[in-house]
Amino acid sequence: MRIKVCGMTLPEQVNALDEMGVDLAGFIFYEKSPRFVRKKISPEKMKKTGGRIGKVGVFVNMPYEELMQTVEDYRLDMVQLHGDESERFCEKVANYVSVIKAFRLSDNDPIDWMVRPFHEGCDMYMFDTLGSGYGGTGKKFDWNVLKGTNTNKLFFLSGGIEPGDEEKLKEFAALPEAKKLFAVDINSKFEVSAGVKNMEKVREFVKNMKG
């Protein structure tokens, strides 16, 4: 099971994630987020950070030129679009870098219908909880809403995943709906404060998921 730890702001913690076998680190380039990374890690520092770990930039409705410049400056491996980006915008970005399109879901959303326009223009999806803002709500995502869906696209599972969820995640991963599950995404439930992870909690989670 691949693991992405999002909302990283400390280079030394990113390096520690790499050493413990975390696959992806997420960096939030959304100014309204308490985990806004641009003030914490410069492009020069980022280039020296993380070893083999994949670097995912999280964006919310950022203009195309600015987004692509950020991808280049920070040498990002993937882009996670967490706003109201159109399918055309996603496709344009995906010509240059792998794109994850995030969908904030409520209980009765027609998921197959929602994701269909993005199928050609995105590499992966992320399913998260619907909240008042764009991600990072910490609200628990009800994985049951994915039952009966067939998006036929690799996806990330996000939304309030916390220590102790390991067995439930493994049970979900065994379901037919999870055949395209690419990774789980953890963030706020593993923090001391916004952008600062409790590394022992992360390490235990990684051990339980990958052991």
N, C-alpha and C. Protein backbone atom coordinates (compact mmCIF):
# COMPACT_ATOMS: atom_id res chain seq x y z
N MET A 1 0.85 -1.20 0.00
CA MET A 1 0.00 0.00 0.00
C MET A 1 0.89 1.25 0.00
N ARG A 2 0.70 2.09 -0.99
CA ARG A 2 1.46 3.34 -1.04
C ARG A 2 0.87 4.34 -0.06
N ILE A 3 1.74 5.19 0.47
CA ILE A 3 1.32 6.19 1.45
C ILE A 3 1.82 7.56 1.03
N LYS A 4 0.91 8.54 1.07
CA LYS A 4 1.27 9.94 0.84
C LYS A 4 1.01 10.71 2.13
N VAL A 5 2.00 11.47 2.56
CA VAL A 5 1.83 12.34 3.72
C VAL A 5 1.78 13.77 3.21
N CYS A 6 0.64 14.42 3.41
CA CYS A 6 0.42 15.74 2.83
C CYS A 6 0.61 16.85 3.88
N GLY A 7 0.76 18.07 3.36
CA GLY A 7 0.89 19.23 4.24
C GLY A 7 2.26 19.37 4.88
N MET A 8 3.29 18.93 4.18
CA MET A 8 4.65 19.00 4.72
C MET A 8 5.19 20.42 4.63
N THR A 9 5.88 20.85 5.71
CA THR A 9 6.49 22.19 5.73
C THR A 9 7.92 22.19 6.24
N LEU A 10 8.40 21.04 6.74
CA LEU A 10 9.74 20.97 7.32
C LEU A 10 10.62 20.00 6.52
N PRO A 11 11.71 20.50 5.91
CA PRO A 11 12.58 19.63 5.11
C PRO A 11 13.08 18.41 5.86
N GLU A 12 13.42 18.58 7.14
CA GLU A 12 13.95 17.45 7.90
C GLU A 12 12.91 16.35 8.09
N GLN A 13 11.63 16.73 8.17
CA GLN A 13 10.59 15.73 8.28
C GLN A 13 10.36 15.02 6.95
N VAL A 14 10.50 15.75 5.84
CA VAL A 14 10.39 15.12 4.52
C VAL A 14 11.49 14.07 4.36
N ASN A 15 12.70 14.41 4.78
CA ASN A 15 13.81 13.46 4.70
C ASN A 15 13.54 12.23 5.57
N ALA A 16 12.93 12.44 6.73
CA ALA A 16 12.61 11.32 7.62
C ALA A 16 11.55 10.42 6.98
N LEU A 17 10.57 11.01 6.29
CA LEU A 17 9.56 10.22 5.58
C LEU A 17 10.22 9.33 4.53
N ASP A 18 11.16 9.89 3.81
CA ASP A 18 11.87 9.15 2.77
C ASP A 18 12.57 7.95 3.38
N GLU A 19 13.20 8.14 4.53
CA GLU A 19 13.95 7.07 5.18
C GLU A 19 13.03 5.96 5.70
N MET A 20 11.80 6.32 6.09
CA MET A 20 10.90 5.30 6.63
C MET A 20 10.05 4.62 5.56
N GLY A 21 10.26 4.99 4.29
CA GLY A 21 9.59 4.29 3.20
C GLY A 21 8.27 4.87 2.74
N VAL A 22 7.98 6.12 3.14
CA VAL A 22 6.79 6.79 2.61
C VAL A 22 7.02 7.08 1.13
N ASP A 23 5.99 6.90 0.33
CA ASP A 23 6.14 6.99 -1.12
C ASP A 23 6.06 8.41 -1.66
N LEU A 24 5.15 9.23 -1.07
CA LEU A 24 4.88 10.56 -1.61
C LEU A 24 4.73 11.58 -0.49
N ALA A 25 5.23 12.78 -0.73
CA ALA A 25 5.05 13.90 0.21
C ALA A 25 4.28 15.00 -0.51
N GLY A 26 3.29 15.56 0.17
CA GLY A 26 2.47 16.60 -0.41
C GLY A 26 2.83 17.98 0.13
N PHE A 27 2.90 18.95 -0.77
CA PHE A 27 3.27 20.33 -0.42
C PHE A 27 2.16 21.25 -0.91
N ILE A 28 1.58 22.02 -0.02
CA ILE A 28 0.39 22.81 -0.34
C ILE A 28 0.77 24.23 -0.77
N PHE A 29 0.41 24.57 -2.00
CA PHE A 29 0.69 25.89 -2.57
C PHE A 29 -0.61 26.69 -2.66
N TYR A 30 -1.32 26.71 -1.57
CA TYR A 30 -2.59 27.44 -1.47
C TYR A 30 -2.47 28.40 -0.30
N GLU A 31 -2.46 29.70 -0.60
CA GLU A 31 -2.12 30.71 0.39
C GLU A 31 -3.02 30.69 1.62
N LYS A 32 -4.27 30.28 1.47
CA LYS A 32 -5.19 30.30 2.61
C LYS A 32 -5.02 29.10 3.53
N SER A 33 -4.18 28.16 3.13
CA SER A 33 -3.95 26.98 3.96
C SER A 33 -2.96 27.29 5.08
N PRO A 34 -3.20 26.78 6.31
CA PRO A 34 -2.21 26.93 7.38
C PRO A 34 -0.93 26.15 7.09
N ARG A 35 -0.97 25.32 6.06
CA ARG A 35 0.21 24.52 5.68
C ARG A 35 0.84 25.04 4.39
N PHE A 36 0.59 26.30 4.08
CA PHE A 36 1.14 26.93 2.87
C PHE A 36 2.66 26.82 2.89
N VAL A 37 3.22 26.14 1.90
CA VAL A 37 4.63 25.75 1.98
C VAL A 37 5.59 26.82 1.48
N ARG A 38 5.12 27.72 0.64
CA ARG A 38 6.05 28.66 0.00
C ARG A 38 6.81 29.52 1.02
N LYS A 39 6.19 29.81 2.15
CA LYS A 39 6.85 30.60 3.19
C LYS A 39 7.81 29.76 4.03
N LYS A 40 7.72 28.44 3.89
CA LYS A 40 8.48 27.54 4.76
C LYS A 40 9.67 26.90 4.06
N ILE A 41 9.49 26.54 2.79
CA ILE A 41 10.55 25.86 2.05
C ILE A 41 10.77 26.59 0.72
N SER A 42 11.99 27.04 0.50
CA SER A 42 12.33 27.71 -0.76
C SER A 42 12.57 26.67 -1.84
N PRO A 43 12.50 27.09 -3.11
CA PRO A 43 12.80 26.14 -4.19
C PRO A 43 14.18 25.50 -4.05
N GLU A 44 15.16 26.29 -3.60
CA GLU A 44 16.52 25.77 -3.45
C GLU A 44 16.57 24.68 -2.38
N LYS A 45 15.85 24.91 -1.27
CA LYS A 45 15.81 23.90 -0.21
C LYS A 45 15.09 22.65 -0.68
N MET A 46 14.02 22.84 -1.43
CA MET A 46 13.23 21.70 -1.89
C MET A 46 14.07 20.78 -2.76
N LYS A 47 14.91 21.36 -3.59
CA LYS A 47 15.73 20.55 -4.50
C LYS A 47 16.71 19.65 -3.76
N LYS A 48 17.02 20.00 -2.51
CA LYS A 48 17.95 19.20 -1.70
C LYS A 48 17.22 18.29 -0.73
N THR A 49 15.89 18.25 -0.85
CA THR A 49 15.07 17.55 0.14
C THR A 49 14.42 16.31 -0.45
N GLY A 50 14.39 15.24 0.34
CA GLY A 50 13.47 14.14 0.05
C GLY A 50 14.02 12.91 -0.61
N GLY A 51 15.24 12.93 -1.15
CA GLY A 51 15.79 11.71 -1.74
C GLY A 51 14.90 11.15 -2.83
N ARG A 52 14.40 9.91 -2.61
CA ARG A 52 13.60 9.22 -3.63
C ARG A 52 12.11 9.49 -3.52
N ILE A 53 11.70 10.17 -2.48
CA ILE A 53 10.26 10.38 -2.26
C ILE A 53 9.67 11.24 -3.38
N GLY A 54 8.46 10.88 -3.83
CA GLY A 54 7.79 11.67 -4.85
C GLY A 54 7.22 12.96 -4.26
N LYS A 55 7.38 14.05 -4.97
CA LYS A 55 6.93 15.36 -4.47
C LYS A 55 5.68 15.80 -5.23
N VAL A 56 4.60 15.98 -4.46
CA VAL A 56 3.30 16.33 -5.03
C VAL A 56 2.93 17.75 -4.61
N GLY A 57 2.71 18.61 -5.57
CA GLY A 57 2.26 19.97 -5.27
C GLY A 57 0.74 20.03 -5.27
N VAL A 58 0.17 20.60 -4.21
CA VAL A 58 -1.28 20.71 -4.08
C VAL A 58 -1.69 22.15 -4.41
N PHE A 59 -2.60 22.30 -5.38
CA PHE A 59 -2.99 23.62 -5.88
C PHE A 59 -4.51 23.77 -5.86
N VAL A 60 -4.94 25.01 -5.66
CA VAL A 60 -6.37 25.33 -5.66
C VAL A 60 -6.60 26.52 -6.58
N ASN A 61 -7.13 26.26 -7.77
CA ASN A 61 -7.51 27.32 -8.71
C ASN A 61 -6.38 28.29 -9.04
N MET A 62 -5.16 27.81 -9.09
CA MET A 62 -4.04 28.66 -9.45
C MET A 62 -3.98 28.83 -10.97
N PRO A 63 -3.71 30.05 -11.46
CA PRO A 63 -3.57 30.25 -12.90
C PRO A 63 -2.51 29.33 -13.50
N TYR A 64 -2.74 28.94 -14.74
CA TYR A 64 -1.90 27.94 -15.39
C TYR A 64 -0.41 28.31 -15.39
N GLU A 65 -0.09 29.52 -15.83
CA GLU A 65 1.33 29.91 -15.94
C GLU A 65 2.03 29.88 -14.59
N GLU A 66 1.34 30.36 -13.56
CA GLU A 66 1.93 30.37 -12.22
C GLU A 66 2.11 28.94 -11.70
N LEU A 67 1.14 28.09 -11.98
CA LEU A 67 1.23 26.70 -11.55
C LEU A 67 2.43 26.01 -12.22
N MET A 68 2.56 26.18 -13.52
CA MET A 68 3.64 25.51 -14.23
C MET A 68 5.01 26.04 -13.82
N GLN A 69 5.09 27.33 -13.50
CA GLN A 69 6.35 27.89 -13.00
C GLN A 69 6.71 27.30 -11.65
N THR A 70 5.69 27.09 -10.81
CA THR A 70 5.91 26.48 -9.49
C THR A 70 6.39 25.04 -9.64
N VAL A 71 5.79 24.30 -10.56
CA VAL A 71 6.21 22.92 -10.82
C VAL A 71 7.69 22.89 -11.20
N GLU A 72 8.08 23.82 -12.05
CA GLU A 72 9.48 23.87 -12.50
C GLU A 72 10.40 24.31 -11.37
N ASP A 73 10.03 25.38 -10.65
CA ASP A 73 10.89 25.91 -9.59
C ASP A 73 11.14 24.89 -8.48
N TYR A 74 10.09 24.16 -8.11
CA TYR A 74 10.18 23.21 -7.00
C TYR A 74 10.45 21.77 -7.46
N ARG A 75 10.56 21.58 -8.76
CA ARG A 75 10.83 20.25 -9.34
C ARG A 75 9.83 19.21 -8.80
N LEU A 76 8.58 19.51 -8.99
CA LEU A 76 7.52 18.63 -8.50
C LEU A 76 7.32 17.46 -9.46
N ASP A 77 7.01 16.30 -8.89
CA ASP A 77 6.80 15.10 -9.69
C ASP A 77 5.34 14.94 -10.11
N MET A 78 4.44 15.47 -9.31
CA MET A 78 3.01 15.35 -9.58
C MET A 78 2.31 16.62 -9.12
N VAL A 79 1.12 16.83 -9.67
CA VAL A 79 0.30 17.98 -9.29
C VAL A 79 -1.06 17.46 -8.83
N GLN A 80 -1.52 17.94 -7.69
CA GLN A 80 -2.86 17.60 -7.17
C GLN A 80 -3.73 18.84 -7.27
N LEU A 81 -4.77 18.77 -8.08
CA LEU A 81 -5.65 19.91 -8.29
C LEU A 81 -6.87 19.76 -7.40
N HIS A 82 -6.98 20.65 -6.42
CA HIS A 82 -7.97 20.48 -5.35
C HIS A 82 -9.07 21.53 -5.39
N GLY A 83 -9.12 22.29 -6.49
CA GLY A 83 -10.12 23.35 -6.58
C GLY A 83 -11.22 23.03 -7.56
N ASP A 84 -11.61 24.04 -8.33
CA ASP A 84 -12.70 23.89 -9.29
C ASP A 84 -12.17 23.86 -10.73
N GLU A 85 -10.99 23.30 -10.88
CA GLU A 85 -10.35 23.27 -12.20
C GLU A 85 -11.20 22.48 -13.20
N SER A 86 -11.27 22.98 -14.42
CA SER A 86 -12.05 22.32 -15.46
C SER A 86 -11.28 21.12 -16.02
N GLU A 87 -12.00 20.28 -16.73
CA GLU A 87 -11.36 19.14 -17.37
C GLU A 87 -10.33 19.60 -18.40
N ARG A 88 -10.62 20.71 -19.08
CA ARG A 88 -9.68 21.25 -20.07
C ARG A 88 -8.39 21.72 -19.39
N PHE A 89 -8.52 22.38 -18.24
CA PHE A 89 -7.35 22.85 -17.49
C PHE A 89 -6.50 21.65 -17.06
N CYS A 90 -7.16 20.62 -16.54
CA CYS A 90 -6.44 19.42 -16.09
C CYS A 90 -5.66 18.79 -17.24
N GLU A 91 -6.31 18.74 -18.39
CA GLU A 91 -5.67 18.12 -19.56
C GLU A 91 -4.45 18.92 -20.00
N LYS A 92 -4.55 20.23 -19.92
CA LYS A 92 -3.44 21.11 -20.30
C LYS A 92 -2.23 20.89 -19.39
N VAL A 93 -2.50 20.81 -18.09
CA VAL A 93 -1.42 20.57 -17.12
C VAL A 93 -0.83 19.18 -17.31
N ALA A 94 -1.70 18.20 -17.58
CA ALA A 94 -1.27 16.81 -17.71
C ALA A 94 -0.37 16.57 -18.92
N ASN A 95 -0.30 17.53 -19.82
CA ASN A 95 0.63 17.42 -20.95
C ASN A 95 2.08 17.51 -20.49
N TYR A 96 2.28 18.05 -19.26
CA TYR A 96 3.64 18.30 -18.77
C TYR A 96 3.97 17.59 -17.48
N VAL A 97 2.97 17.26 -16.67
CA VAL A 97 3.23 16.64 -15.37
C VAL A 97 2.01 15.80 -15.00
N SER A 98 2.23 14.73 -14.23
CA SER A 98 1.13 13.86 -13.81
C SER A 98 0.13 14.64 -12.95
N VAL A 99 -1.16 14.42 -13.22
CA VAL A 99 -2.21 15.18 -12.54
C VAL A 99 -3.11 14.26 -11.72
N ILE A 100 -3.31 14.65 -10.46
CA ILE A 100 -4.31 14.03 -9.58
C ILE A 100 -5.44 15.05 -9.43
N LYS A 101 -6.65 14.68 -9.80
CA LYS A 101 -7.80 15.58 -9.60
C LYS A 101 -8.57 15.14 -8.37
N ALA A 102 -8.73 16.07 -7.43
CA ALA A 102 -9.43 15.77 -6.19
C ALA A 102 -10.92 16.07 -6.32
N PHE A 103 -11.73 15.19 -5.75
CA PHE A 103 -13.18 15.35 -5.70
C PHE A 103 -13.63 15.31 -4.26
N ARG A 104 -14.35 16.37 -3.84
CA ARG A 104 -14.86 16.46 -2.47
C ARG A 104 -16.30 15.93 -2.50
N LEU A 105 -16.50 14.81 -1.82
CA LEU A 105 -17.76 14.08 -1.99
C LEU A 105 -18.66 14.14 -0.75
N SER A 106 -19.94 14.16 -1.00
CA SER A 106 -20.94 13.97 0.05
C SER A 106 -21.60 12.61 -0.17
N ASP A 107 -22.56 12.27 0.67
CA ASP A 107 -23.08 10.90 0.70
C ASP A 107 -23.72 10.43 -0.59
N ASN A 108 -24.44 11.29 -1.28
CA ASN A 108 -25.24 10.83 -2.41
C ASN A 108 -24.77 11.34 -3.77
N ASP A 109 -23.51 11.75 -3.84
CA ASP A 109 -23.00 12.27 -5.11
C ASP A 109 -22.91 11.16 -6.17
N PRO A 110 -23.27 11.47 -7.42
CA PRO A 110 -23.13 10.50 -8.51
C PRO A 110 -21.68 10.45 -8.97
N ILE A 111 -20.87 9.66 -8.30
CA ILE A 111 -19.42 9.71 -8.49
C ILE A 111 -19.01 9.39 -9.92
N ASP A 112 -19.56 8.32 -10.48
CA ASP A 112 -19.18 7.94 -11.84
C ASP A 112 -19.45 9.09 -12.82
N TRP A 113 -20.56 9.77 -12.63
CA TRP A 113 -20.93 10.89 -13.50
C TRP A 113 -20.00 12.09 -13.28
N MET A 114 -19.63 12.35 -12.03
CA MET A 114 -18.78 13.49 -11.70
C MET A 114 -17.38 13.36 -12.31
N VAL A 115 -16.84 12.16 -12.26
CA VAL A 115 -15.45 11.98 -12.69
C VAL A 115 -15.30 11.77 -14.20
N ARG A 116 -16.38 11.37 -14.86
CA ARG A 116 -16.29 10.98 -16.27
C ARG A 116 -15.65 12.05 -17.17
N PRO A 117 -16.01 13.35 -17.02
CA PRO A 117 -15.40 14.35 -17.92
C PRO A 117 -13.88 14.47 -17.75
N PHE A 118 -13.36 14.01 -16.61
CA PHE A 118 -11.93 14.17 -16.33
C PHE A 118 -11.12 12.92 -16.69
N HIS A 119 -11.80 11.91 -17.19
CA HIS A 119 -11.14 10.61 -17.35
C HIS A 119 -9.93 10.68 -18.29
N GLU A 120 -10.08 11.39 -19.39
CA GLU A 120 -8.99 11.44 -20.38
C GLU A 120 -7.88 12.40 -19.96
N GLY A 121 -8.25 13.45 -19.23
CA GLY A 121 -7.28 14.52 -18.95
C GLY A 121 -6.52 14.39 -17.65
N CYS A 122 -6.84 13.39 -16.83
CA CYS A 122 -6.16 13.22 -15.54
C CYS A 122 -5.53 11.85 -15.45
N ASP A 123 -4.47 11.76 -14.66
CA ASP A 123 -3.80 10.48 -14.46
C ASP A 123 -4.42 9.69 -13.30
N MET A 124 -4.85 10.42 -12.27
CA MET A 124 -5.42 9.77 -11.09
C MET A 124 -6.48 10.68 -10.47
N TYR A 125 -7.30 10.09 -9.61
CA TYR A 125 -8.28 10.85 -8.84
C TYR A 125 -7.92 10.78 -7.36
N MET A 126 -8.48 11.72 -6.60
CA MET A 126 -8.44 11.65 -5.14
C MET A 126 -9.85 11.88 -4.63
N PHE A 127 -10.27 11.04 -3.70
CA PHE A 127 -11.59 11.18 -3.10
C PHE A 127 -11.43 11.65 -1.66
N ASP A 128 -12.09 12.78 -1.37
CA ASP A 128 -11.95 13.46 -0.08
C ASP A 128 -13.34 13.85 0.43
N THR A 129 -13.38 14.36 1.64
CA THR A 129 -14.64 14.77 2.26
C THR A 129 -15.06 16.15 1.80
N LEU A 130 -16.34 16.32 1.55
CA LEU A 130 -16.87 17.65 1.25
C LEU A 130 -16.85 18.49 2.51
N GLY A 131 -16.23 19.68 2.42
CA GLY A 131 -16.20 20.60 3.56
C GLY A 131 -16.43 22.01 3.09
N SER A 132 -16.31 22.96 3.98
CA SER A 132 -16.57 24.35 3.63
C SER A 132 -15.43 24.95 2.81
N GLY A 133 -14.22 24.35 2.94
CA GLY A 133 -13.08 24.86 2.20
C GLY A 133 -12.60 23.84 1.18
N TYR A 134 -11.33 24.00 0.79
CA TYR A 134 -10.74 23.10 -0.19
C TYR A 134 -9.77 22.16 0.51
N GLY A 135 -10.27 21.02 1.00
CA GLY A 135 -9.40 20.03 1.61
C GLY A 135 -8.93 20.43 3.00
N GLY A 136 -8.21 19.50 3.64
CA GLY A 136 -7.64 19.77 4.95
C GLY A 136 -8.66 19.97 6.05
N THR A 137 -9.87 19.43 5.88
CA THR A 137 -10.90 19.63 6.89
C THR A 137 -10.70 18.70 8.07
N GLY A 138 -10.03 17.57 7.86
CA GLY A 138 -9.88 16.57 8.92
C GLY A 138 -11.14 15.76 9.13
N LYS A 139 -12.20 16.07 8.36
CA LYS A 139 -13.46 15.33 8.49
C LYS A 139 -13.31 13.94 7.89
N LYS A 140 -13.91 12.97 8.56
CA LYS A 140 -13.80 11.58 8.14
C LYS A 140 -14.55 11.36 6.83
N PHE A 141 -13.87 10.70 5.91
CA PHE A 141 -14.49 10.34 4.64
C PHE A 141 -15.16 8.98 4.79
N ASP A 142 -16.40 8.88 4.36
CA ASP A 142 -17.13 7.62 4.42
C ASP A 142 -16.81 6.81 3.16
N TRP A 143 -15.94 5.83 3.31
CA TRP A 143 -15.50 5.04 2.16
C TRP A 143 -16.64 4.29 1.51
N ASN A 144 -17.74 4.10 2.24
CA ASN A 144 -18.89 3.36 1.69
C ASN A 144 -19.49 4.04 0.47
N VAL A 145 -19.28 5.36 0.33
CA VAL A 145 -19.86 6.05 -0.84
C VAL A 145 -19.22 5.57 -2.14
N LEU A 146 -18.06 4.92 -2.04
CA LEU A 146 -17.40 4.41 -3.24
C LEU A 146 -17.91 3.03 -3.66
N LYS A 147 -18.69 2.41 -2.79
CA LYS A 147 -19.20 1.08 -3.12
C LYS A 147 -20.15 1.17 -4.32
N GLY A 148 -19.95 0.25 -5.25
CA GLY A 148 -20.77 0.24 -6.45
C GLY A 148 -20.25 1.14 -7.55
N THR A 149 -19.16 1.87 -7.29
CA THR A 149 -18.59 2.73 -8.32
C THR A 149 -17.58 1.96 -9.16
N ASN A 150 -17.35 2.45 -10.36
CA ASN A 150 -16.35 1.85 -11.25
C ASN A 150 -15.73 2.96 -12.09
N THR A 151 -14.83 3.72 -11.46
CA THR A 151 -14.24 4.87 -12.14
C THR A 151 -13.16 4.45 -13.14
N ASN A 152 -12.62 3.24 -12.98
CA ASN A 152 -11.59 2.71 -13.88
C ASN A 152 -10.39 3.65 -13.99
N LYS A 153 -10.00 4.20 -12.85
CA LYS A 153 -8.86 5.12 -12.80
C LYS A 153 -8.17 4.93 -11.45
N LEU A 154 -6.85 4.97 -11.44
CA LEU A 154 -6.13 4.91 -10.17
C LEU A 154 -6.60 6.06 -9.28
N PHE A 155 -6.71 5.78 -7.97
CA PHE A 155 -7.17 6.84 -7.07
C PHE A 155 -6.49 6.80 -5.70
N PHE A 156 -6.50 7.97 -5.08
CA PHE A 156 -6.04 8.15 -3.70
C PHE A 156 -7.26 8.19 -2.79
N LEU A 157 -7.11 7.63 -1.60
CA LEU A 157 -8.15 7.71 -0.58
C LEU A 157 -7.69 8.69 0.49
N SER A 158 -8.51 9.70 0.76
CA SER A 158 -8.14 10.76 1.68
C SER A 158 -9.31 11.04 2.62
N GLY A 159 -9.17 12.06 3.45
CA GLY A 159 -10.28 12.52 4.28
C GLY A 159 -10.28 12.00 5.70
N GLY A 160 -9.52 12.64 6.58
CA GLY A 160 -9.58 12.33 8.00
C GLY A 160 -9.04 10.98 8.41
N ILE A 161 -8.18 10.37 7.57
CA ILE A 161 -7.55 9.10 7.96
C ILE A 161 -6.67 9.34 9.18
N GLU A 162 -6.79 8.45 10.16
CA GLU A 162 -6.11 8.68 11.44
C GLU A 162 -5.45 7.40 11.96
N PRO A 163 -4.59 7.54 12.98
CA PRO A 163 -4.00 6.35 13.60
C PRO A 163 -5.11 5.41 14.08
N GLY A 164 -4.94 4.13 13.82
CA GLY A 164 -5.96 3.16 14.19
C GLY A 164 -6.86 2.75 13.04
N ASP A 165 -6.73 3.44 11.89
CA ASP A 165 -7.55 3.11 10.71
C ASP A 165 -6.93 2.01 9.84
N GLU A 166 -5.77 1.52 10.23
CA GLU A 166 -5.03 0.62 9.34
C GLU A 166 -5.83 -0.62 8.92
N GLU A 167 -6.46 -1.27 9.88
CA GLU A 167 -7.18 -2.50 9.54
C GLU A 167 -8.39 -2.21 8.64
N LYS A 168 -9.08 -1.10 8.92
CA LYS A 168 -10.23 -0.73 8.08
C LYS A 168 -9.77 -0.42 6.65
N LEU A 169 -8.61 0.22 6.53
CA LEU A 169 -8.08 0.52 5.21
C LEU A 169 -7.73 -0.76 4.45
N LYS A 170 -7.16 -1.71 5.16
CA LYS A 170 -6.80 -2.98 4.52
C LYS A 170 -8.06 -3.74 4.09
N GLU A 171 -9.11 -3.65 4.91
CA GLU A 171 -10.38 -4.29 4.55
C GLU A 171 -10.97 -3.64 3.30
N PHE A 172 -10.92 -2.30 3.26
CA PHE A 172 -11.42 -1.59 2.08
C PHE A 172 -10.61 -1.96 0.84
N ALA A 173 -9.30 -2.07 1.01
CA ALA A 173 -8.41 -2.36 -0.12
C ALA A 173 -8.70 -3.72 -0.74
N ALA A 174 -9.36 -4.59 0.01
CA ALA A 174 -9.69 -5.92 -0.50
C ALA A 174 -11.00 -5.94 -1.29
N LEU A 175 -11.75 -4.85 -1.29
CA LEU A 175 -13.04 -4.80 -1.98
C LEU A 175 -12.84 -4.61 -3.49
N PRO A 176 -13.81 -5.05 -4.30
CA PRO A 176 -13.70 -4.85 -5.75
C PRO A 176 -13.56 -3.38 -6.14
N GLU A 177 -14.24 -2.49 -5.38
CA GLU A 177 -14.18 -1.06 -5.69
C GLU A 177 -12.78 -0.48 -5.49
N ALA A 178 -11.93 -1.20 -4.77
CA ALA A 178 -10.59 -0.70 -4.45
C ALA A 178 -9.51 -1.28 -5.36
N LYS A 179 -9.91 -1.93 -6.43
CA LYS A 179 -8.90 -2.56 -7.30
C LYS A 179 -7.96 -1.53 -7.91
N LYS A 180 -8.40 -0.27 -8.01
CA LYS A 180 -7.56 0.80 -8.57
C LYS A 180 -7.00 1.73 -7.47
N LEU A 181 -7.12 1.31 -6.21
CA LEU A 181 -6.59 2.13 -5.11
C LEU A 181 -5.07 2.25 -5.26
N PHE A 182 -4.60 3.46 -5.44
CA PHE A 182 -3.17 3.71 -5.65
C PHE A 182 -2.44 4.01 -4.35
N ALA A 183 -3.07 4.82 -3.48
CA ALA A 183 -2.40 5.24 -2.25
C ALA A 183 -3.42 5.80 -1.27
N VAL A 184 -3.04 5.82 0.00
CA VAL A 184 -3.82 6.54 1.01
C VAL A 184 -3.07 7.82 1.36
N ASP A 185 -3.85 8.84 1.69
CA ASP A 185 -3.32 10.19 1.93
C ASP A 185 -3.62 10.59 3.37
N ILE A 186 -2.57 10.85 4.15
CA ILE A 186 -2.77 11.27 5.54
C ILE A 186 -2.24 12.68 5.74
N ASN A 187 -2.84 13.36 6.74
CA ASN A 187 -2.42 14.74 6.98
C ASN A 187 -2.69 15.16 8.42
N SER A 188 -3.81 15.83 8.64
CA SER A 188 -4.02 16.56 9.90
C SER A 188 -4.11 15.69 11.14
N LYS A 189 -4.56 14.44 10.99
CA LYS A 189 -4.69 13.56 12.16
C LYS A 189 -3.35 13.04 12.65
N PHE A 190 -2.28 13.39 11.93
CA PHE A 190 -0.93 12.94 12.31
C PHE A 190 -0.04 14.15 12.64
N GLU A 191 -0.67 15.23 13.11
CA GLU A 191 0.09 16.46 13.34
C GLU A 191 0.16 16.86 14.81
N VAL A 192 1.25 17.54 15.12
CA VAL A 192 1.40 18.24 16.40
C VAL A 192 0.77 19.61 16.27
N SER A 193 1.03 20.26 15.15
CA SER A 193 0.41 21.53 14.76
C SER A 193 0.40 21.58 13.25
N ALA A 194 -0.27 22.56 12.67
CA ALA A 194 -0.42 22.60 11.22
C ALA A 194 0.93 22.57 10.50
N GLY A 195 1.14 21.53 9.70
CA GLY A 195 2.37 21.40 8.94
C GLY A 195 3.50 20.72 9.67
N VAL A 196 3.31 20.39 10.94
CA VAL A 196 4.34 19.71 11.73
C VAL A 196 3.79 18.35 12.14
N LYS A 197 4.40 17.28 11.61
CA LYS A 197 3.89 15.94 11.83
C LYS A 197 4.41 15.34 13.15
N ASN A 198 3.58 14.48 13.72
CA ASN A 198 4.01 13.61 14.82
C ASN A 198 4.65 12.39 14.15
N MET A 199 5.96 12.39 14.08
CA MET A 199 6.65 11.39 13.27
C MET A 199 6.51 9.98 13.83
N GLU A 200 6.31 9.86 15.13
CA GLU A 200 6.10 8.52 15.70
C GLU A 200 4.77 7.93 15.24
N LYS A 201 3.74 8.78 15.20
CA LYS A 201 2.44 8.32 14.70
C LYS A 201 2.53 7.92 13.23
N VAL A 202 3.25 8.72 12.44
CA VAL A 202 3.41 8.40 11.03
C VAL A 202 4.17 7.09 10.88
N ARG A 203 5.25 6.94 11.65
CA ARG A 203 6.08 5.73 11.55
C ARG A 203 5.27 4.48 11.90
N GLU A 204 4.46 4.56 12.93
CA GLU A 204 3.63 3.42 13.34
C GLU A 204 2.61 3.07 12.25
N PHE A 205 2.01 4.11 11.67
CA PHE A 205 1.04 3.91 10.59
C PHE A 205 1.70 3.23 9.39
N VAL A 206 2.87 3.71 9.01
CA VAL A 206 3.59 3.14 7.87
C VAL A 206 3.94 1.67 8.14
N LYS A 207 4.41 1.41 9.34
CA LYS A 207 4.76 0.03 9.72
C LYS A 207 3.56 -0.89 9.65
N ASN A 208 2.41 -0.42 10.14
CA ASN A 208 1.20 -1.24 10.15
C ASN A 208 0.63 -1.45 8.73
N MET A 209 0.78 -0.43 7.88
CA MET A 209 0.24 -0.54 6.53
C MET A 209 1.14 -1.36 5.60
N LYS A 210 2.43 -1.23 5.79
CA LYS A 210 3.38 -1.88 4.87
C LYS A 210 3.96 -3.18 5.43
N GLY A 211 3.76 -3.40 6.74
CA GLY A 211 4.36 -4.57 7.38
C GLY A 211 3.63 -5.87 7.03
